[in-house]
Amino acid sequence: MKKILLTLAISTFALTAAAQDFATINPDARTAAMGDATVATTADAYAVYNNAAAPLFEYQTAQVGYVYAPWMPSEQKGSDLMSVAGYVKLGQRHSLSIGGRMFREPKLTMDGDYPFFPTDENGNTDYKVGDYTRPNGKSLDVAYGLKVCDKVALALTARYLHYANGLGDKYSAVNFDLALYSQIPLQFREGAAVNIGAQVSNAGFSVTKEGFRQPLTAKVGASLYAPFNDSHSLLAEVDLGYRFAPVGVKSLLANVGVEYSLMQLLKFRAGYAHNLYDYATVGLGLRFMHVQVDASYWAAGENCPWRNTFRVGVGLEF
């Protein structure tokens, strides 16, 4: 019996730990290719996951997008991430952003490896759950942005999180983000600007009896957008931040990313991130008429669960 209880405790802890962090994964294929530098980047359809105040400085009235990411490492094989997101500007001073995502973990197996059903000394399944589901986490984000003056905007994001571990246990939470975004035009070239962003993320509470909270995170960042001429432009960004307790490990955050645009058609991206893990990223983007296609790739060490992971996204702008 002690063995069974210990197995149950270990499996529940592992599943809950995975649940705690699924919503920290950046679903945006574009900014994922830029080292996850998100807080001061120019807006795209996934602004609700980057900085929900940024769309108020874009010339597009609305953008929508879809991203799919299969997890490649063998121990995570079978996991995938799907997300849809978009924003719409309501006049010049207001914006509404929304996003939904689902992260699915590998199917439960009976072979004793994670994730698994506990068994007794005879190899019989001990934890009877009847019809079980594939472990998965879902979130729904809604954000309101307000342009308080010509150069500064604020945004408040509300997020509902739900996680089911496949063994019959379910957890829910509500989180909030507060973001600031400022765009300062530069005089040396028309269209050039410095963007400044700041964000506090995941302040909230657990809805279910069991604790379920994301790590509180604070970030600041700055980016430079510099068009060289009608055919070439460069966006470079640096973010700094800190990941606080109570969930996960405390950690300094640093993200660096660049995006080079050729004729506003091709985008070449690269970046580097220092988080709980260190990883490098690269990616490409293609824009034709009002359609955008983005892809990114993460390269990391053996200890990083996101290594060798692709993201592919498609979007529309209006």
Protein backbone atom coordinates (compact mmCIF):
# COMPACT_ATOMS: atom_id res chain seq x y z
CA MET A 1 0.00 0.00 0.00
CA LYS A 2 2.86 2.40 0.83
CA LYS A 3 4.34 1.73 -2.60
CA ILE A 4 1.03 2.51 -4.27
CA LEU A 5 0.54 5.72 -2.29
CA LEU A 6 4.09 6.85 -3.07
CA THR A 7 3.58 6.14 -6.77
CA LEU A 8 0.35 8.11 -6.73
CA ALA A 9 2.04 11.04 -5.00
CA ILE A 10 4.93 11.11 -7.46
CA SER A 11 2.66 10.89 -10.50
CA THR A 12 0.33 13.60 -9.17
CA PHE A 13 3.27 15.90 -8.40
CA ALA A 14 4.76 15.41 -11.87
CA LEU A 15 1.46 16.02 -13.61
CA THR A 16 0.70 19.10 -11.48
CA ALA A 17 4.18 20.51 -12.12
CA ALA A 18 3.58 20.20 -15.86
CA ALA A 19 0.21 21.87 -15.41
CA GLN A 20 1.71 24.80 -13.55
CA ASP A 21 3.92 25.89 -16.46
CA PHE A 22 2.06 25.09 -19.68
CA ALA A 23 0.77 28.66 -20.05
CA THR A 24 4.28 30.13 -19.87
CA ILE A 25 5.07 28.65 -23.30
CA ASN A 26 4.98 31.36 -25.96
CA PRO A 27 2.58 30.24 -28.73
CA ASP A 28 3.58 33.02 -31.18
CA ALA A 29 5.73 31.62 -34.01
CA ARG A 30 7.06 35.09 -34.82
CA THR A 31 8.35 36.17 -31.40
CA ALA A 32 9.38 32.58 -30.58
CA ALA A 33 11.88 32.98 -33.45
CA MET A 34 13.17 36.19 -31.82
CA GLY A 35 14.34 34.60 -28.58
CA ASP A 36 10.92 35.14 -26.97
CA ALA A 37 11.56 38.89 -26.82
CA THR A 38 7.95 39.93 -26.48
CA VAL A 39 7.30 42.86 -24.17
CA ALA A 40 8.44 45.66 -26.53
CA THR A 41 7.94 44.05 -29.92
CA THR A 42 5.69 45.50 -32.60
CA ALA A 43 2.22 43.96 -32.52
CA ASP A 44 1.02 40.93 -34.43
CA ALA A 45 -2.04 38.71 -34.06
CA TYR A 46 -0.54 37.28 -30.86
CA ALA A 47 -0.26 40.60 -29.04
CA VAL A 48 -2.44 39.20 -26.22
CA TYR A 49 0.48 36.86 -25.37
CA ASN A 50 3.22 39.46 -25.97
CA ASN A 51 2.05 42.96 -24.99
CA ALA A 52 -1.67 43.65 -25.38
CA ALA A 53 -1.09 47.44 -25.48
CA ALA A 54 1.07 47.26 -28.64
CA PRO A 55 -1.77 47.01 -31.24
CA LEU A 56 -2.75 50.63 -30.52
CA PHE A 57 0.42 51.72 -32.36
CA GLU A 58 -0.12 49.54 -35.44
CA TYR A 59 -1.62 50.77 -38.70
CA GLN A 60 -3.60 47.53 -39.22
CA THR A 61 -7.11 47.62 -37.79
CA ALA A 62 -7.16 43.91 -37.01
CA GLN A 63 -5.08 40.74 -37.20
CA VAL A 64 -5.90 37.06 -36.59
CA GLY A 65 -3.66 34.00 -36.55
CA TYR A 66 -3.30 30.27 -35.88
CA VAL A 67 -0.18 28.42 -34.68
CA TYR A 68 0.63 24.72 -34.35
CA ALA A 69 3.73 23.34 -32.58
CA PRO A 70 4.53 19.61 -32.28
CA TRP A 71 6.98 18.73 -29.49
CA MET A 72 9.98 16.85 -30.89
CA PRO A 73 12.14 15.52 -27.96
CA SER A 74 11.57 11.82 -27.35
CA GLU A 75 10.45 12.24 -23.74
CA GLN A 76 7.89 14.83 -24.84
CA LYS A 77 6.93 13.13 -28.11
CA GLY A 78 3.18 13.19 -28.56
CA SER A 79 2.79 16.63 -27.02
CA ASP A 80 1.61 19.54 -29.11
CA LEU A 81 0.48 23.14 -28.77
CA MET A 82 -2.33 24.78 -30.75
CA SER A 83 -3.40 28.39 -30.48
CA VAL A 84 -5.63 30.99 -32.12
CA ALA A 85 -5.44 34.71 -31.39
CA GLY A 86 -6.20 38.15 -32.74
CA TYR A 87 -6.88 41.79 -32.00
CA VAL A 88 -9.11 44.57 -33.26
CA LYS A 89 -8.67 48.31 -32.78
CA LEU A 90 -11.81 50.17 -31.75
CA GLY A 91 -11.08 53.64 -33.04
CA GLN A 92 -7.72 55.22 -32.19
CA ARG A 93 -7.74 54.81 -28.41
CA HIS A 94 -9.19 51.37 -27.68
CA SER A 95 -8.33 47.79 -28.59
CA LEU A 96 -9.60 44.31 -27.79
CA SER A 97 -7.34 41.24 -27.97
CA ILE A 98 -8.26 37.60 -27.49
CA GLY A 99 -6.45 34.29 -27.59
CA GLY A 100 -7.06 30.62 -26.87
CA ARG A 101 -4.58 27.77 -26.65
CA MET A 102 -4.41 24.07 -25.87
CA PHE A 103 -1.34 22.12 -24.80
CA ARG A 104 -1.73 18.34 -25.01
CA GLU A 105 0.65 15.96 -23.28
CA PRO A 106 1.50 12.40 -24.38
CA LYS A 107 -1.20 9.79 -23.96
CA LEU A 108 -1.27 7.91 -20.68
CA THR A 109 0.43 4.51 -20.86
CA MET A 110 0.51 1.39 -18.71
CA ASP A 111 4.28 0.76 -18.93
CA GLY A 112 5.30 2.58 -15.76
CA ASP A 113 6.91 5.53 -17.51
CA TYR A 114 5.62 9.07 -17.06
CA PRO A 115 2.82 9.70 -17.61
CA PHE A 116 1.41 6.46 -16.26
CA PHE A 117 -1.23 4.62 -14.27
CA PRO A 118 0.10 3.38 -10.92
CA THR A 119 0.25 -0.40 -10.54
CA ASP A 120 0.56 -2.73 -7.57
CA GLU A 121 3.22 -5.40 -6.93
CA ASN A 122 1.52 -7.75 -9.38
CA GLY A 123 1.47 -5.22 -12.20
CA ASN A 124 -2.27 -4.62 -11.95
CA THR A 125 -3.60 -1.13 -12.44
CA ASP A 126 -4.49 0.25 -9.03
CA TYR A 127 -5.88 3.68 -9.88
CA LYS A 128 -9.27 3.11 -11.48
CA VAL A 129 -10.49 6.15 -13.37
CA GLY A 130 -12.84 4.66 -15.93
CA ASP A 131 -12.89 6.78 -19.07
CA TYR A 132 -9.74 8.89 -18.93
CA THR A 133 -8.69 11.77 -21.13
CA ARG A 134 -5.35 12.78 -22.59
CA PRO A 135 -3.63 15.22 -20.19
CA ASN A 136 -4.16 18.73 -21.48
CA GLY A 137 -4.12 22.37 -20.48
CA LYS A 138 -6.29 25.14 -21.92
CA SER A 139 -6.37 28.89 -21.52
CA LEU A 140 -8.55 31.76 -22.71
CA ASP A 141 -7.11 35.29 -22.67
CA VAL A 142 -9.02 38.54 -23.16
CA ALA A 143 -7.32 41.95 -23.04
CA TYR A 144 -8.47 45.55 -23.20
CA GLY A 145 -6.04 48.26 -24.35
CA LEU A 146 -6.32 52.01 -23.81
CA LYS A 147 -4.16 54.69 -25.41
CA VAL A 148 -3.76 57.25 -22.66
CA CYS A 149 -1.79 59.73 -24.82
CA ASP A 150 -0.06 59.86 -28.20
CA LYS A 151 2.96 57.90 -26.99
CA VAL A 152 1.69 55.64 -24.17
CA ALA A 153 -0.87 52.82 -23.94
CA LEU A 154 -1.93 50.46 -21.15
CA ALA A 155 -3.57 47.04 -21.29
CA LEU A 156 -5.21 44.70 -18.80
CA THR A 157 -5.44 40.98 -19.61
CA ALA A 158 -7.69 38.44 -17.87
CA ARG A 159 -6.82 34.77 -18.29
CA TYR A 160 -8.73 31.61 -17.43
CA LEU A 161 -6.65 28.43 -17.09
CA HIS A 162 -7.82 24.84 -16.92
CA TYR A 163 -5.75 21.67 -16.64
CA ALA A 164 -6.81 18.00 -16.62
CA ASN A 165 -4.12 15.45 -15.76
CA GLY A 166 -5.85 12.47 -17.39
CA LEU A 167 -6.27 10.67 -14.06
CA GLY A 168 -9.52 12.40 -13.19
CA ASP A 169 -8.04 15.47 -11.46
CA LYS A 170 -8.82 18.95 -12.79
CA TYR A 171 -7.47 22.37 -11.83
CA SER A 172 -8.51 25.92 -12.74
CA ALA A 173 -7.19 29.42 -12.09
CA VAL A 174 -7.76 33.05 -13.04
CA ASN A 175 -4.77 35.31 -13.75
CA PHE A 176 -4.26 38.94 -14.73
CA ASP A 177 -1.54 40.82 -16.63
CA LEU A 178 -0.90 44.55 -16.63
CA ALA A 179 1.15 45.97 -19.52
CA LEU A 180 2.51 49.31 -20.67
CA TYR A 181 3.72 50.14 -24.18
CA SER A 182 5.23 53.37 -25.48
CA GLN A 183 6.37 54.31 -28.97
CA ILE A 184 8.76 57.23 -29.45
CA PRO A 185 9.42 58.36 -33.05
CA LEU A 186 13.02 59.12 -33.98
CA GLN A 187 14.01 62.08 -36.09
CA PHE A 188 16.94 60.61 -38.01
CA ARG A 189 14.68 58.66 -40.39
CA GLU A 190 10.98 58.65 -41.21
CA GLY A 191 9.26 55.67 -39.65
CA ALA A 192 12.05 54.90 -37.18
CA ALA A 193 11.00 54.49 -33.55
CA VAL A 194 12.00 53.21 -30.14
CA ASN A 195 9.42 51.02 -28.43
CA ILE A 196 9.42 50.57 -24.67
CA GLY A 197 7.39 47.92 -22.86
CA ALA A 198 6.79 46.73 -19.31
CA GLN A 199 4.58 43.95 -18.01
CA VAL A 200 3.61 42.15 -14.82
CA SER A 201 2.11 38.73 -15.59
CA ASN A 202 0.19 35.98 -13.80
CA ALA A 203 -1.11 37.80 -10.75
CA GLY A 204 -4.15 35.74 -9.79
CA PHE A 205 -5.67 32.94 -7.78
CA SER A 206 -6.65 29.29 -7.97
CA VAL A 207 -10.32 28.50 -8.57
CA THR A 208 -10.12 24.86 -7.52
CA LYS A 209 -9.34 23.66 -4.00
CA GLU A 210 -5.91 22.39 -4.99
CA GLY A 211 -3.34 25.11 -5.65
CA PHE A 212 -2.91 25.98 -9.33
CA ARG A 213 -0.98 29.17 -10.03
CA GLN A 214 1.39 30.37 -12.72
CA PRO A 215 4.73 31.98 -11.77
CA LEU A 216 4.48 35.72 -11.21
CA THR A 217 6.74 37.43 -13.77
CA ALA A 218 7.88 41.03 -14.27
CA LYS A 219 9.57 42.18 -17.49
CA VAL A 220 10.80 45.39 -19.12
CA GLY A 221 12.11 45.77 -22.63
CA ALA A 222 13.04 48.10 -25.45
CA SER A 223 13.15 47.67 -29.21
CA LEU A 224 14.43 49.75 -32.10
CA TYR A 225 12.64 49.75 -35.44
CA ALA A 226 14.82 51.22 -38.19
CA PRO A 227 13.76 51.30 -41.87
CA PHE A 228 16.83 51.75 -44.06
CA ASN A 229 14.81 52.45 -47.20
CA ASP A 230 11.62 51.20 -48.85
CA SER A 231 13.10 47.69 -49.19
CA HIS A 232 14.95 47.03 -45.93
CA SER A 233 14.21 47.41 -42.23
CA LEU A 234 15.45 46.03 -38.94
CA LEU A 235 13.74 45.42 -35.59
CA ALA A 236 16.01 44.64 -32.62
CA GLU A 237 14.81 44.02 -29.05
CA VAL A 238 16.17 43.30 -25.58
CA ASP A 239 14.01 42.18 -22.62
CA LEU A 240 15.00 41.76 -18.98
CA GLY A 241 12.86 40.30 -16.24
CA TYR A 242 12.49 38.10 -13.20
CA ARG A 243 10.38 35.04 -12.51
CA PHE A 244 9.17 34.93 -8.92
CA ALA A 245 7.91 32.19 -6.61
CA PRO A 246 5.66 30.53 -5.50
CA VAL A 247 5.52 28.30 -8.58
CA GLY A 248 8.62 26.85 -10.18
CA VAL A 249 12.15 28.09 -9.75
CA LYS A 250 13.05 31.74 -9.32
CA SER A 251 14.99 32.90 -12.33
CA LEU A 252 16.41 35.91 -14.07
CA LEU A 253 15.03 36.37 -17.59
CA ALA A 254 16.88 37.80 -20.58
CA ASN A 255 15.74 37.77 -24.20
CA VAL A 256 17.40 39.19 -27.31
CA GLY A 257 15.84 39.10 -30.77
CA VAL A 258 16.18 40.61 -34.25
CA GLU A 259 13.94 40.69 -37.31
CA TYR A 260 15.22 41.75 -40.73
CA SER A 261 12.62 42.58 -43.35
CA LEU A 262 13.28 42.44 -47.08
CA MET A 263 10.80 44.38 -49.21
CA GLN A 264 8.14 43.76 -46.53
CA LEU A 265 7.78 40.28 -48.03
CA LEU A 266 10.45 38.13 -46.37
CA LYS A 267 11.34 38.20 -42.68
CA PHE A 268 14.51 36.68 -41.25
CA ARG A 269 14.55 36.25 -37.46
CA ALA A 270 16.92 35.05 -34.78
CA GLY A 271 17.29 35.31 -31.02
CA TYR A 272 18.62 33.95 -27.76
CA ALA A 273 16.91 33.44 -24.39
CA HIS A 274 18.10 32.89 -20.85
CA ASN A 275 15.26 31.56 -18.74
CA LEU A 276 14.97 28.36 -16.74
CA TYR A 277 16.77 27.01 -19.81
CA ASP A 278 19.07 28.65 -22.34
CA TYR A 279 18.15 28.30 -26.00
CA ALA A 280 18.72 29.88 -29.40
CA THR A 281 15.98 30.48 -31.95
CA VAL A 282 15.70 31.14 -35.68
CA GLY A 283 12.75 31.66 -37.99
CA LEU A 284 11.33 32.90 -41.26
CA GLY A 285 8.27 34.88 -42.23
CA LEU A 286 6.48 35.43 -45.51
CA ARG A 287 3.95 38.15 -46.16
CA PHE A 288 1.86 38.25 -49.33
CA MET A 289 -1.02 40.67 -49.69
CA HIS A 290 -2.87 40.28 -46.36
CA VAL A 291 -1.60 36.77 -45.58
CA GLN A 292 1.32 36.02 -43.25
CA VAL A 293 3.10 32.70 -42.76
CA ASP A 294 5.64 32.29 -39.94
CA ALA A 295 7.88 29.46 -38.78
CA SER A 296 10.36 29.15 -35.93
CA TYR A 297 12.80 26.59 -34.56
CA TRP A 298 14.26 26.27 -31.04
CA ALA A 299 17.76 24.85 -30.55
CA ALA A 300 18.70 23.98 -26.95
CA GLY A 301 20.62 21.56 -24.76
CA GLU A 302 19.50 18.09 -23.73
CA ASN A 303 17.99 19.36 -20.50
CA CYS A 304 15.55 21.71 -22.24
CA PRO A 305 12.10 20.17 -22.90
CA TRP A 306 11.55 22.60 -25.79
CA ARG A 307 14.64 21.68 -27.83
CA ASN A 308 14.24 20.91 -31.53
CA THR A 309 10.69 22.28 -31.47
CA PHE A 310 9.00 23.87 -34.47
CA ARG A 311 6.18 26.37 -34.61
CA VAL A 312 4.24 27.10 -37.78
CA GLY A 313 1.64 29.84 -38.00
CA VAL A 314 -0.61 31.51 -40.54
CA GLY A 315 -2.41 34.82 -40.14
CA LEU A 316 -4.47 37.53 -41.80
CA GLU A 317 -4.25 41.29 -41.38
CA PHE A 318 -6.90 43.87 -42.23
